[in-house]
Amino acid sequence: MIDHVSLGVSDLARAAAFYDAILAPLGYVRLWSTENGVGYGKHGDRDEPLALVTLGERARAPGAGWHLALTATSRQAVDGFHAAAMRMGGTDDGAPGLRTHYGAGYYAAFVRDLDGYKLEAVCHES
């Protein structure tokens, strides 16, 4: 259903370093870079499902109720995502763990990026 998502950031270099670090454990890489944006996806993807665009002081994270959930292939990937976010200056919004109220085998972590976007990495275990 969703082709791609773009997030407006205040400082592109800082945001790109953050996303490079947090997306690596999930298997995502930077696919392109310009002075105005960067795009992420799986290695070999033709198009990027996630892009960051520089907005400077106009950058604003959406309010309550909005978050971006990223697919993880394992608990270790979720843990790596969370650890990288903490190391890079993100904010903990829910440490890695099972969230059985979302479903059996729902293992996730929640963080806020440097611009306040709420991000989740989730692994659906069988």
Protein backbone atom coordinates (compact mmCIF):
# COMPACT_ATOMS: atom_id res chain seq x y z
CA MET A 1 0.00 0.00 0.00
CA ILE A 2 2.71 2.53 0.90
CA ASP A 3 5.30 3.21 -1.78
CA HIS A 4 7.61 5.37 0.33
CA VAL A 5 7.83 7.71 3.30
CA SER A 6 9.81 10.96 3.49
CA LEU A 7 10.79 12.54 6.79
CA GLY A 8 11.76 16.21 7.00
CA VAL A 9 14.86 16.71 9.15
CA SER A 10 16.52 19.78 10.62
CA ASP A 11 20.14 18.71 10.03
CA LEU A 12 20.65 16.28 7.14
CA ALA A 13 24.23 15.22 7.98
CA ARG A 14 23.31 14.52 11.61
CA ALA A 15 20.11 12.69 10.66
CA ALA A 16 21.86 10.62 7.97
CA ALA A 17 24.51 9.48 10.45
CA PHE A 18 21.74 8.50 12.90
CA TYR A 19 19.75 6.58 10.28
CA ASP A 20 22.87 4.93 8.83
CA ALA A 21 23.53 3.51 12.31
CA ILE A 22 19.99 2.46 13.30
CA LEU A 23 19.03 0.95 9.94
CA ALA A 24 22.18 -1.16 9.54
CA PRO A 25 21.10 -3.80 12.12
CA LEU A 26 17.81 -4.11 10.21
CA GLY A 27 19.60 -4.78 6.91
CA TYR A 28 18.84 -1.42 5.31
CA VAL A 29 21.48 0.73 3.59
CA ARG A 30 21.79 4.20 2.17
CA LEU A 31 20.90 3.94 -1.53
CA TRP A 32 21.56 7.55 -2.55
CA SER A 33 22.65 10.91 -1.18
CA THR A 34 22.32 14.49 -2.41
CA GLU A 35 22.81 17.80 -0.66
CA ASN A 36 19.05 17.86 0.01
CA GLY A 37 18.30 14.27 0.99
CA VAL A 38 19.21 10.63 1.45
CA GLY A 39 17.31 7.46 0.60
CA TYR A 40 17.31 4.06 2.34
CA GLY A 41 16.26 0.56 1.42
CA LYS A 42 17.58 -2.97 0.97
CA HIS A 43 20.85 -3.36 -0.94
CA GLY A 44 19.98 -3.70 -4.61
CA ASP A 45 16.59 -1.96 -4.34
CA ARG A 46 15.81 0.27 -7.30
CA ASP A 47 13.74 2.71 -5.26
CA GLU A 48 13.94 3.80 -1.65
CA PRO A 49 11.06 3.19 0.74
CA LEU A 50 12.46 5.73 3.23
CA ALA A 51 13.91 9.15 2.47
CA LEU A 52 15.15 12.01 4.63
CA VAL A 53 14.84 15.53 3.23
CA THR A 54 16.43 18.62 4.70
CA LEU A 55 13.98 21.23 5.98
CA GLY A 56 16.11 23.09 8.51
CA GLU A 57 14.08 24.95 11.12
CA ARG A 58 10.82 23.98 9.36
CA ALA A 59 11.27 20.28 10.31
CA ARG A 60 8.53 19.07 12.67
CA ALA A 61 7.78 15.52 13.78
CA PRO A 62 4.08 14.55 13.68
CA GLY A 63 2.19 14.51 16.95
CA ALA A 64 0.82 11.78 19.16
CA GLY A 65 -0.43 8.65 17.48
CA TRP A 66 2.05 8.68 14.58
CA HIS A 67 5.00 6.33 14.30
CA LEU A 68 6.97 4.50 11.64
CA ALA A 69 7.38 0.74 12.16
CA LEU A 70 10.38 -0.89 10.47
CA THR A 71 10.61 -4.61 9.78
CA ALA A 72 13.29 -6.56 11.65
CA THR A 73 14.21 -10.16 10.90
CA SER A 74 15.18 -11.13 14.46
CA ARG A 75 15.27 -10.08 18.09
CA GLN A 76 18.97 -9.35 17.62
CA ALA A 77 18.13 -6.88 14.85
CA VAL A 78 15.60 -5.13 17.10
CA ASP A 79 18.15 -5.00 19.91
CA GLY A 80 20.80 -3.62 17.53
CA PHE A 81 18.41 -0.94 16.26
CA HIS A 82 17.64 0.20 19.82
CA ALA A 83 21.29 0.13 20.93
CA ALA A 84 22.38 2.14 17.88
CA ALA A 85 19.65 4.73 18.49
CA MET A 86 20.76 5.17 22.10
CA ARG A 87 24.42 5.41 21.07
CA MET A 88 23.61 8.04 18.42
CA GLY A 89 21.62 10.31 20.78
CA GLY A 90 18.08 9.03 20.23
CA THR A 91 15.55 8.78 23.04
CA ASP A 92 14.25 5.51 24.45
CA ASP A 93 10.48 5.24 23.96
CA GLY A 94 10.19 1.52 24.80
CA ALA A 95 13.11 -0.87 25.34
CA PRO A 96 13.34 -4.08 23.31
CA GLY A 97 10.94 -6.76 24.47
CA LEU A 98 7.88 -8.85 23.78
CA ARG A 99 4.67 -6.90 23.40
CA THR A 100 2.09 -9.68 23.73
CA HIS A 101 -0.74 -7.15 23.89
CA TYR A 102 0.00 -6.57 20.16
CA GLY A 103 0.15 -10.30 19.45
CA ALA A 104 2.02 -13.46 20.34
CA GLY A 105 5.64 -13.20 19.22
CA TYR A 106 5.55 -9.40 18.72
CA TYR A 107 9.09 -8.31 19.68
CA ALA A 108 9.76 -4.60 19.30
CA ALA A 109 11.59 -1.50 20.46
CA PHE A 110 10.55 2.15 20.20
CA VAL A 111 12.79 5.20 19.94
CA ARG A 112 12.60 8.89 19.07
CA ASP A 113 15.07 10.15 16.50
CA LEU A 114 16.97 13.43 16.77
CA ASP A 115 14.03 15.39 15.32
CA GLY A 116 11.42 13.68 17.51
CA TYR A 117 10.04 11.12 15.03
CA LYS A 118 8.78 7.98 16.79
CA LEU A 119 10.33 4.87 15.25
CA GLU A 120 9.73 1.19 15.95
CA ALA A 121 11.65 -1.90 14.93
CA VAL A 122 9.50 -5.03 15.08
CA CYS A 123 10.07 -8.73 14.59
CA HIS A 124 7.00 -10.99 14.23
CA GLU A 125 7.99 -14.38 15.62
CA SER A 126 5.90 -17.43 14.87
